[in-house]
Amino acid sequence: MSYVVVRAGCSEDRVRKNKLYKALLGTTSSTGGRRYRSRGLLHKLGGIRLSRGVYLIPVDSVEPLLDELEKRGLRGCMEVLDICLYPCRQPVRRERA
């Protein structure tokens, strides 16, 4: 599967930056001793977080991501940098014995 490298950031506006990161990574809230988690767009679209503000998004999921950010008014905060030349793989999780 091929991926696209995207960079997120709205350095000029802290409120938009927080909205963007909540949309990408999701949120967790606590009510009555229970925790409720909403998954972000990154999890829903199969993306991988490389570092703060830099993500790998599958090529076929870039358009849905940008469309969703456009609906939320956050499209200007996302920049598509490059397409991976080599197919990237999901990290292999090894079980401990």
PDB file of N, CA and C in Angstrom:
ATOM      1  N   MET A   1       0.851  -1.167   0.000  1.00  0.00           N
ATOM      2  CA  MET A   1       0.000   0.000   0.000  1.00  0.00           C
ATOM      3  C   MET A   1       0.899   1.233   0.000  1.00  0.00           C
ATOM      4  N   SER A   2       0.588   2.194  -0.839  1.00  0.00           N
ATOM      5  CA  SER A   2       1.363   3.431  -0.917  1.00  0.00           C
ATOM      6  C   SER A   2       0.761   4.485   0.004  1.00  0.00           C
ATOM      7  N   TYR A   3       1.615   5.324   0.516  1.00  0.00           N
ATOM      8  CA  TYR A   3       1.206   6.351   1.460  1.00  0.00           C
ATOM      9  C   TYR A   3       1.626   7.730   0.974  1.00  0.00           C
ATOM     10  N   VAL A   4       0.961   8.738   1.500  1.00  0.00           N
ATOM     11  CA  VAL A   4       1.287  10.130   1.238  1.00  0.00           C
ATOM     12  C   VAL A   4       1.730  10.752   2.555  1.00  0.00           C
ATOM     13  N   VAL A   5       2.794  11.528   2.515  1.00  0.00           N
ATOM     14  CA  VAL A   5       3.274  12.232   3.704  1.00  0.00           C
ATOM     15  C   VAL A   5       2.563  13.578   3.767  1.00  0.00           C
ATOM     16  N   VAL A   6       1.887  13.832   4.884  1.00  0.00           N
ATOM     17  CA  VAL A   6       1.192  15.110   5.065  1.00  0.00           C
ATOM     18  C   VAL A   6       1.690  15.777   6.340  1.00  0.00           C
ATOM     19  N   ARG A   7       1.636  17.104   6.333  1.00  0.00           N
ATOM     20  CA  ARG A   7       2.054  17.880   7.502  1.00  0.00           C
ATOM     21  C   ARG A   7       0.883  18.728   7.965  1.00  0.00           C
ATOM     22  N   ALA A   8       0.650  18.715   9.258  1.00  0.00           N
ATOM     23  CA  ALA A   8      -0.450  19.482   9.837  1.00  0.00           C
ATOM     24  C   ALA A   8       0.116  20.602  10.682  1.00  0.00           C
ATOM     25  N   GLY A   9      -0.555  21.736  10.627  1.00  0.00           N
ATOM     26  CA  GLY A   9      -0.124  22.826  11.485  1.00  0.00           C
ATOM     27  C   GLY A   9      -0.793  24.138  11.134  1.00  0.00           C
ATOM     28  N   CYS A  10      -1.299  24.803  12.144  1.00  0.00           N
ATOM     29  CA  CYS A  10      -1.872  26.147  12.022  1.00  0.00           C
ATOM     30  C   CYS A  10      -1.182  26.983  13.088  1.00  0.00           C
ATOM     31  N   SER A  11       0.009  27.413  12.793  1.00  0.00           N
ATOM     32  CA  SER A  11       0.786  28.109  13.815  1.00  0.00           C
ATOM     33  C   SER A  11       0.209  29.474  14.163  1.00  0.00           C
ATOM     34  N   GLU A  12      -0.549  30.060  13.228  1.00  0.00           N
ATOM     35  CA  GLU A  12      -1.052  31.409  13.488  1.00  0.00           C
ATOM     36  C   GLU A  12      -2.272  31.429  14.399  1.00  0.00           C
ATOM     37  N   ASP A  13      -2.994  30.327  14.497  1.00  0.00           N
ATOM     38  CA  ASP A  13      -4.238  30.321  15.264  1.00  0.00           C
ATOM     39  C   ASP A  13      -4.286  29.084  16.159  1.00  0.00           C
ATOM     40  N   ARG A  14      -4.166  29.272  17.458  1.00  0.00           N
ATOM     41  CA  ARG A  14      -4.127  28.158  18.405  1.00  0.00           C
ATOM     42  C   ARG A  14      -5.452  27.384  18.449  1.00  0.00           C
ATOM     43  N   VAL A  15      -6.581  28.073  18.315  1.00  0.00           N
ATOM     44  CA  VAL A  15      -7.885  27.411  18.364  1.00  0.00           C
ATOM     45  C   VAL A  15      -8.037  26.460  17.178  1.00  0.00           C
ATOM     46  N   ARG A  16      -7.674  26.925  15.981  1.00  0.00           N
ATOM     47  CA  ARG A  16      -7.756  26.059  14.795  1.00  0.00           C
ATOM     48  C   ARG A  16      -6.787  24.893  14.905  1.00  0.00           C
ATOM     49  N   LYS A  17      -5.613  25.133  15.470  1.00  0.00           N
ATOM     50  CA  LYS A  17      -4.622  24.075  15.640  1.00  0.00           C
ATOM     51  C   LYS A  17      -5.156  22.988  16.563  1.00  0.00           C
ATOM     52  N   ASN A  18      -5.778  23.370  17.676  1.00  0.00           N
ATOM     53  CA  ASN A  18      -6.356  22.384  18.593  1.00  0.00           C
ATOM     54  C   ASN A  18      -7.492  21.613  17.941  1.00  0.00           C
ATOM     55  N   LYS A  19      -8.334  22.299  17.169  1.00  0.00           N
ATOM     56  CA  LYS A  19      -9.419  21.613  16.459  1.00  0.00           C
ATOM     57  C   LYS A  19      -8.867  20.595  15.471  1.00  0.00           C
ATOM     58  N   LEU A  20      -7.792  20.974  14.780  1.00  0.00           N
ATOM     59  CA  LEU A  20      -7.186  20.072  13.805  1.00  0.00           C
ATOM     60  C   LEU A  20      -6.651  18.819  14.478  1.00  0.00           C
ATOM     61  N   TYR A  21      -5.900  18.977  15.569  1.00  0.00           N
ATOM     62  CA  TYR A  21      -5.332  17.814  16.237  1.00  0.00           C
ATOM     63  C   TYR A  21      -6.409  16.936  16.868  1.00  0.00           C
ATOM     64  N   LYS A  22      -7.472  17.529  17.370  1.00  0.00           N
ATOM     65  CA  LYS A  22      -8.578  16.725  17.896  1.00  0.00           C
ATOM     66  C   LYS A  22      -9.267  15.960  16.777  1.00  0.00           C
ATOM     67  N   ALA A  23      -9.405  16.570  15.613  1.00  0.00           N
ATOM     68  CA  ALA A  23     -10.024  15.891  14.474  1.00  0.00           C
ATOM     69  C   ALA A  23      -9.146  14.742  13.995  1.00  0.00           C
ATOM     70  N   LEU A  24      -7.841  14.930  13.974  1.00  0.00           N
ATOM     71  CA  LEU A  24      -6.933  13.894  13.483  1.00  0.00           C
ATOM     72  C   LEU A  24      -6.724  12.765  14.483  1.00  0.00           C
ATOM     73  N   LEU A  25      -6.521  13.105  15.750  1.00  0.00           N
ATOM     74  CA  LEU A  25      -6.140  12.107  16.749  1.00  0.00           C
ATOM     75  C   LEU A  25      -7.288  11.622  17.614  1.00  0.00           C
ATOM     76  N   GLY A  26      -8.410  12.343  17.649  1.00  0.00           N
ATOM     77  CA  GLY A  26      -9.538  11.957  18.481  1.00  0.00           C
ATOM     78  C   GLY A  26      -9.453  12.603  19.852  1.00  0.00           C
ATOM     79  N   THR A  27     -10.457  12.334  20.675  1.00  0.00           N
ATOM     80  CA  THR A  27     -10.515  12.915  22.010  1.00  0.00           C
ATOM     81  C   THR A  27     -10.901  11.850  23.027  1.00  0.00           C
ATOM     82  N   THR A  28     -10.590  12.124  24.282  1.00  0.00           N
ATOM     83  CA  THR A  28     -10.995  11.273  25.397  1.00  0.00           C
ATOM     84  C   THR A  28     -11.612  12.172  26.456  1.00  0.00           C
ATOM     85  N   SER A  29     -12.792  11.787  26.936  1.00  0.00           N
ATOM     86  CA  SER A  29     -13.430  12.571  27.990  1.00  0.00           C
ATOM     87  C   SER A  29     -13.860  11.638  29.111  1.00  0.00           C
ATOM     88  N   SER A  30     -13.870  12.157  30.318  1.00  0.00           N
ATOM     89  CA  SER A  30     -14.269  11.382  31.489  1.00  0.00           C
ATOM     90  C   SER A  30     -15.556  11.952  32.056  1.00  0.00           C
ATOM     91  N   THR A  31     -16.512  11.057  32.313  1.00  0.00           N
ATOM     92  CA  THR A  31     -17.785  11.450  32.899  1.00  0.00           C
ATOM     93  C   THR A  31     -18.208  10.371  33.879  1.00  0.00           C
ATOM     94  N   GLY A  32     -18.405  10.741  35.114  1.00  0.00           N
ATOM     95  CA  GLY A  32     -18.880   9.783  36.108  1.00  0.00           C
ATOM     96  C   GLY A  32     -17.925   8.628  36.338  1.00  0.00           C
ATOM     97  N   GLY A  33     -16.632   8.870  36.256  1.00  0.00           N
ATOM     98  CA  GLY A  33     -15.662   7.810  36.489  1.00  0.00           C
ATOM     99  C   GLY A  33     -15.422   6.911  35.293  1.00  0.00           C
ATOM    100  N   ARG A  34     -16.084   7.149  34.190  1.00  0.00           N
ATOM    101  CA  ARG A  34     -15.886   6.356  32.977  1.00  0.00           C
ATOM    102  C   ARG A  34     -15.201   7.218  31.935  1.00  0.00           C
ATOM    103  N   ARG A  35     -14.427   6.572  31.084  1.00  0.00           N
ATOM    104  CA  ARG A  35     -13.731   7.288  30.016  1.00  0.00           C
ATOM    105  C   ARG A  35     -14.358   6.927  28.680  1.00  0.00           C
ATOM    106  N   TYR A  36     -14.612   7.937  27.883  1.00  0.00           N
ATOM    107  CA  TYR A  36     -15.197   7.758  26.560  1.00  0.00           C
ATOM    108  C   TYR A  36     -14.210   8.289  25.528  1.00  0.00           C
ATOM    109  N   ARG A  37     -13.911   7.480  24.538  1.00  0.00           N
ATOM    110  CA  ARG A  37     -12.925   7.866  23.536  1.00  0.00           C
ATOM    111  C   ARG A  37     -13.567   7.910  22.164  1.00  0.00           C
ATOM    112  N   SER A  38     -13.296   8.971  21.439  1.00  0.00           N
ATOM    113  CA  SER A  38     -13.723   9.041  20.041  1.00  0.00           C
ATOM    114  C   SER A  38     -12.467   8.953  19.183  1.00  0.00           C
ATOM    115  N   ARG A  39     -12.484   8.064  18.237  1.00  0.00           N
ATOM    116  CA  ARG A  39     -11.342   7.878  17.350  1.00  0.00           C
ATOM    117  C   ARG A  39     -11.262   9.030  16.373  1.00  0.00           C
ATOM    118  N   GLY A  40     -10.066   9.401  16.011  1.00  0.00           N
ATOM    119  CA  GLY A  40      -9.866  10.491  15.078  1.00  0.00           C
ATOM    120  C   GLY A  40      -9.840  10.013  13.639  1.00  0.00           C
ATOM    121  N   LEU A  41      -9.716  10.959  12.743  1.00  0.00           N
ATOM    122  CA  LEU A  41      -9.671  10.649  11.315  1.00  0.00           C
ATOM    123  C   LEU A  41      -8.462   9.793  10.966  1.00  0.00           C
ATOM    124  N   LEU A  42      -7.366   9.979  11.666  1.00  0.00           N
ATOM    125  CA  LEU A  42      -6.161   9.208  11.389  1.00  0.00           C
ATOM    126  C   LEU A  42      -6.410   7.715  11.599  1.00  0.00           C
ATOM    127  N   HIS A  43      -7.077   7.368  12.675  1.00  0.00           N
ATOM    128  CA  HIS A  43      -7.391   5.966  12.959  1.00  0.00           C
ATOM    129  C   HIS A  43      -8.422   5.427  11.976  1.00  0.00           C
ATOM    130  N   LYS A  44      -9.436   6.217  11.679  1.00  0.00           N
ATOM    131  CA  LYS A  44     -10.512   5.770  10.797  1.00  0.00           C
ATOM    132  C   LYS A  44     -10.033   5.526   9.371  1.00  0.00           C
ATOM    133  N   LEU A  45      -9.046   6.306   8.923  1.00  0.00           N
ATOM    134  CA  LEU A  45      -8.571   6.196   7.548  1.00  0.00           C
ATOM    135  C   LEU A  45      -7.315   5.343   7.408  1.00  0.00           C
ATOM    136  N   GLY A  46      -6.809   4.818   8.507  1.00  0.00           N
ATOM    137  CA  GLY A  46      -5.650   3.928   8.450  1.00  0.00           C
ATOM    138  C   GLY A  46      -4.320   4.647   8.342  1.00  0.00           C
ATOM    139  N   GLY A  47      -4.236   5.840   8.894  1.00  0.00           N
ATOM    140  CA  GLY A  47      -2.997   6.605   8.840  1.00  0.00           C
ATOM    141  C   GLY A  47      -2.046   6.235   9.962  1.00  0.00           C
ATOM    142  N   ILE A  48      -0.803   6.685   9.823  1.00  0.00           N
ATOM    143  CA  ILE A  48       0.246   6.411  10.800  1.00  0.00           C
ATOM    144  C   ILE A  48       0.865   7.739  11.211  1.00  0.00           C
ATOM    145  N   ARG A  49       1.059   7.938  12.502  1.00  0.00           N
ATOM    146  CA  ARG A  49       1.705   9.153  12.997  1.00  0.00           C
ATOM    147  C   ARG A  49       3.214   8.939  13.012  1.00  0.00           C
ATOM    148  N   LEU A  50       3.949   9.784  12.299  1.00  0.00           N
ATOM    149  CA  LEU A  50       5.406   9.681  12.275  1.00  0.00           C
ATOM    150  C   LEU A  50       6.037  10.504  13.384  1.00  0.00           C
ATOM    151  N   SER A  51       5.618  11.733  13.501  1.00  0.00           N
ATOM    152  CA  SER A  51       6.107  12.625  14.543  1.00  0.00           C
ATOM    153  C   SER A  51       5.051  13.701  14.749  1.00  0.00           C
ATOM    154  N   ARG A  52       5.350  14.680  15.588  1.00  0.00           N
ATOM    155  CA  ARG A  52       4.376  15.731  15.854  1.00  0.00           C
ATOM    156  C   ARG A  52       4.078  16.497  14.565  1.00  0.00           C
ATOM    157  N   GLY A  53       2.856  16.383  14.089  1.00  0.00           N
ATOM    158  CA  GLY A  53       2.427  17.123  12.914  1.00  0.00           C
ATOM    159  C   GLY A  53       2.748  16.482  11.584  1.00  0.00           C
ATOM    160  N   VAL A  54       3.379  15.298  11.561  1.00  0.00           N
ATOM    161  CA  VAL A  54       3.717  14.623  10.308  1.00  0.00           C
ATOM    162  C   VAL A  54       3.092  13.233  10.326  1.00  0.00           C
ATOM    163  N   TYR A  55       2.333  12.917   9.267  1.00  0.00           N
ATOM    164  CA  TYR A  55       1.566  11.678   9.222  1.00  0.00           C
ATOM    165  C   TYR A  55       1.707  11.005   7.868  1.00  0.00           C
ATOM    166  N   LEU A  56       1.546   9.676   7.857  1.00  0.00           N
ATOM    167  CA  LEU A  56       1.439   8.904   6.623  1.00  0.00           C
ATOM    168  C   LEU A  56      -0.025   8.541   6.447  1.00  0.00           C
ATOM    169  N   ILE A  57      -0.588   8.890   5.299  1.00  0.00           N
ATOM    170  CA  ILE A  57      -1.982   8.604   4.995  1.00  0.00           C
ATOM    171  C   ILE A  57      -2.010   7.731   3.747  1.00  0.00           C
ATOM    172  N   PRO A  58      -2.800   6.647   3.716  1.00  0.00           N
ATOM    173  CA  PRO A  58      -2.907   5.860   2.492  1.00  0.00           C
ATOM    174  C   PRO A  58      -3.380   6.730   1.325  1.00  0.00           C
ATOM    175  N   VAL A  59      -2.844   6.444   0.139  1.00  0.00           N
ATOM    176  CA  VAL A  59      -3.141   7.264  -1.037  1.00  0.00           C
ATOM    177  C   VAL A  59      -4.638   7.348  -1.294  1.00  0.00           C
ATOM    178  N   ASP A  60      -5.347   6.237  -1.153  1.00  0.00           N
ATOM    179  CA  ASP A  60      -6.785   6.240  -1.434  1.00  0.00           C
ATOM    180  C   ASP A  60      -7.601   6.940  -0.343  1.00  0.00           C
ATOM    181  N   SER A  61      -6.984   7.300   0.781  1.00  0.00           N
ATOM    182  CA  SER A  61      -7.699   7.979   1.866  1.00  0.00           C
ATOM    183  C   SER A  61      -7.406   9.476   1.946  1.00  0.00           C
ATOM    184  N   VAL A  62      -6.559   9.982   1.061  1.00  0.00           N
ATOM    185  CA  VAL A  62      -6.197  11.401   1.124  1.00  0.00           C
ATOM    186  C   VAL A  62      -7.388  12.284   0.791  1.00  0.00           C
ATOM    187  N   GLU A  63      -8.116  11.956  -0.270  1.00  0.00           N
ATOM    188  CA  GLU A  63      -9.275  12.770  -0.661  1.00  0.00           C
ATOM    189  C   GLU A  63     -10.357  12.800   0.421  1.00  0.00           C
ATOM    190  N   PRO A  64     -10.748  11.637   1.005  1.00  0.00           N
ATOM    191  CA  PRO A  64     -11.729  11.701   2.098  1.00  0.00           C
ATOM    192  C   PRO A  64     -11.236  12.528   3.292  1.00  0.00           C
ATOM    193  N   LEU A  65      -9.941  12.458   3.600  1.00  0.00           N
ATOM    194  CA  LEU A  65      -9.387  13.252   4.694  1.00  0.00           C
ATOM    195  C   LEU A  65      -9.512  14.741   4.396  1.00  0.00           C
ATOM    196  N   LEU A  66      -9.107  15.146   3.203  1.00  0.00           N
ATOM    197  CA  LEU A  66      -9.161  16.561   2.843  1.00  0.00           C
ATOM    198  C   LEU A  66     -10.602  17.056   2.748  1.00  0.00           C
ATOM    199  N   ASP A  67     -11.519  16.201   2.276  1.00  0.00           N
ATOM    200  CA  ASP A  67     -12.934  16.582   2.221  1.00  0.00           C
ATOM    201  C   ASP A  67     -13.503  16.806   3.621  1.00  0.00           C
ATOM    202  N   GLU A  68     -13.160  15.919   4.549  1.00  0.00           N
ATOM    203  CA  GLU A  68     -13.654  16.055   5.924  1.00  0.00           C
ATOM    204  C   GLU A  68     -13.085  17.310   6.585  1.00  0.00           C
ATOM    205  N   LEU A  69     -11.818  17.585   6.343  1.00  0.00           N
ATOM    206  CA  LEU A  69     -11.220  18.799   6.899  1.00  0.00           C
ATOM    207  C   LEU A  69     -11.827  20.049   6.266  1.00  0.00           C
ATOM    208  N   GLU A  70     -12.198  19.960   4.993  1.00  0.00           N
ATOM    209  CA  GLU A  70     -12.861  21.086   4.323  1.00  0.00           C
ATOM    210  C   GLU A  70     -14.211  21.376   4.973  1.00  0.00           C
ATOM    211  N   LYS A  71     -14.954  20.320   5.322  1.00  0.00           N
ATOM    212  CA  LYS A  71     -16.252  20.489   5.990  1.00  0.00           C
ATOM    213  C   LYS A  71     -16.093  21.175   7.347  1.00  0.00           C
ATOM    214  N   ARG A  72     -14.989  20.884   8.027  1.00  0.00           N
ATOM    215  CA  ARG A  72     -14.752  21.451   9.356  1.00  0.00           C
ATOM    216  C   ARG A  72     -14.034  22.800   9.304  1.00  0.00           C
ATOM    217  N   GLY A  73     -13.705  23.250   8.097  1.00  0.00           N
ATOM    218  CA  GLY A  73     -13.026  24.532   7.943  1.00  0.00           C
ATOM    219  C   GLY A  73     -11.554  24.491   8.302  1.00  0.00           C
ATOM    220  N   LEU A  74     -10.939  23.310   8.186  1.00  0.00           N
ATOM    221  CA  LEU A  74      -9.544  23.136   8.584  1.00  0.00           C
ATOM    222  C   LEU A  74      -8.640  22.733   7.422  1.00  0.00           C
ATOM    223  N   ARG A  75      -9.116  22.839   6.203  1.00  0.00           N
ATOM    224  CA  ARG A  75      -8.347  22.387   5.043  1.00  0.00           C
ATOM    225  C   ARG A  75      -7.036  23.163   4.888  1.00  0.00           C
ATOM    226  N   GLY A  76      -7.021  24.431   5.228  1.00  0.00           N
ATOM    227  CA  GLY A  76      -5.822  25.242   5.086  1.00  0.00           C
ATOM    228  C   GLY A  76      -4.698  24.860   6.030  1.00  0.00           C
ATOM    229  N   CYS A  77      -4.994  24.028   7.009  1.00  0.00           N
ATOM    230  CA  CYS A  77      -3.985  23.627   7.994  1.00  0.00           C
ATOM    231  C   CYS A  77      -3.241  22.357   7.595  1.00  0.00           C
ATOM    232  N   MET A  78      -3.642  21.706   6.504  1.00  0.00           N
ATOM    233  CA  MET A  78      -3.046  20.437   6.104  1.00  0.00           C
ATOM    234  C   MET A  78      -2.299  20.625   4.791  1.00  0.00           C
ATOM    235  N   GLU A  79      -1.050  20.172   4.755  1.00  0.00           N
ATOM    236  CA  GLU A  79      -0.220  20.311   3.563  1.00  0.00           C
ATOM    237  C   GLU A  79       0.273  18.934   3.133  1.00  0.00           C
ATOM    238  N   VAL A  80       0.029  18.564   1.869  1.00  0.00           N
ATOM    239  CA  VAL A  80       0.503  17.294   1.330  1.00  0.00           C
ATOM    240  C   VAL A  80       1.939  17.503   0.872  1.00  0.00           C
ATOM    241  N   LEU A  81       2.872  16.738   1.438  1.00  0.00           N
ATOM    242  CA  LEU A  81       4.288  16.935   1.148  1.00  0.00           C
ATOM    243  C   LEU A  81       4.800  16.047   0.027  1.00  0.00           C
ATOM    244  N   ASP A  82       4.584  14.732   0.126  1.00  0.00           N
ATOM    245  CA  ASP A  82       5.211  13.821  -0.820  1.00  0.00           C
ATOM    246  C   ASP A  82       4.486  12.484  -0.810  1.00  0.00           C
ATOM    247  N   ILE A  83       4.717  11.709  -1.844  1.00  0.00           N
ATOM    248  CA  ILE A  83       4.185  10.350  -1.928  1.00  0.00           C
ATOM    249  C   ILE A  83       5.355   9.394  -1.727  1.00  0.00           C
ATOM    250  N   CYS A  84       5.174   8.366  -0.904  1.00  0.00           N
ATOM    251  CA  CYS A  84       6.231   7.374  -0.681  1.00  0.00           C
ATOM    252  C   CYS A  84       6.517   6.646  -1.987  1.00  0.00           C
ATOM    253  N   LEU A  85       7.782   6.522  -2.325  1.00  0.00           N
ATOM    254  CA  LEU A  85       8.150   5.807  -3.540  1.00  0.00           C
ATOM    255  C   LEU A  85       8.067   4.304  -3.341  1.00  0.00           C
ATOM    256  N   TYR A  86       8.329   3.865  -2.135  1.00  0.00           N
ATOM    257  CA  TYR A  86       8.284   2.445  -1.826  1.00  0.00           C
ATOM    258  C   TYR A  86       7.056   2.162  -0.986  1.00  0.00           C
ATOM    259  N   PRO A  87       6.442   1.007  -1.181  1.00  0.00           N
ATOM    260  CA  PRO A  87       5.268   0.692  -0.359  1.00  0.00           C
ATOM    261  C   PRO A  87       5.660   0.604   1.115  1.00  0.00           C
ATOM    262  N   CYS A  88       4.922   1.282   1.946  1.00  0.00           N
ATOM    263  CA  CYS A  88       5.160   1.254   3.392  1.00  0.00           C
ATOM    264  C   CYS A  88       4.325   0.135   3.998  1.00  0.00           C
ATOM    265  N   ARG A  89       4.792  -0.415   5.098  1.00  0.00           N
ATOM    266  CA  ARG A  89       4.055  -1.473   5.768  1.00  0.00           C
ATOM    267  C   ARG A  89       3.690  -1.036   7.166  1.00  0.00           C
ATOM    268  N   GLN A  90       2.602  -1.613   7.656  1.00  0.00           N
ATOM    269  CA  GLN A  90       2.216  -1.375   9.040  1.00  0.00           C
ATOM    270  C   GLN A  90       3.254  -2.034   9.941  1.00  0.00           C
ATOM    271  N   PRO A  91       3.519  -1.467  11.110  1.00  0.00           N
ATOM    272  CA  PRO A  91       4.466  -2.088  12.040  1.00  0.00           C
ATOM    273  C   PRO A  91       3.972  -3.470  12.465  1.00  0.00           C
ATOM    274  N   VAL A  92       4.898  -4.399  12.554  1.00  0.00           N
ATOM    275  CA  VAL A  92       4.560  -5.766  12.956  1.00  0.00           C
ATOM    276  C   VAL A  92       4.577  -5.832  14.471  1.00  0.00           C
ATOM    277  N   ARG A  93       3.492  -6.303  15.051  1.00  0.00           N
ATOM    278  CA  ARG A  93       3.419  -6.455  16.509  1.00  0.00           C
ATOM    279  C   ARG A  93       3.737  -7.896  16.860  1.00  0.00           C
ATOM    280  N   ARG A  94       4.697  -8.054  17.710  1.00  0.00           N
ATOM    281  CA  ARG A  94       5.094  -9.399  18.116  1.00  0.00           C
ATOM    282  C   ARG A  94       4.571  -9.676  19.511  1.00  0.00           C
ATOM    283  N   GLU A  95       4.040 -10.854  19.679  1.00  0.00           N
ATOM    284  CA  GLU A  95       3.506 -11.235  20.982  1.00  0.00           C
ATOM    285  C   GLU A  95       4.628 -11.768  21.857  1.00  0.00           C
ATOM    286  N   ARG A  96       4.549 -11.424  23.130  1.00  0.00           N
ATOM    287  CA  ARG A  96       5.548 -11.921  24.071  1.00  0.00           C
ATOM    288  C   ARG A  96       5.142 -13.297  24.562  1.00  0.00           C
ATOM    289  N   ALA A  97       6.130 -14.125  24.768  1.00  0.00           N
ATOM    290  CA  ALA A  97       5.855 -15.496  25.213  1.00  0.00           C
ATOM    291  C   ALA A  97       5.559 -15.564  26.680  1.00  0.00           C
TER     292      ALA A  97
END
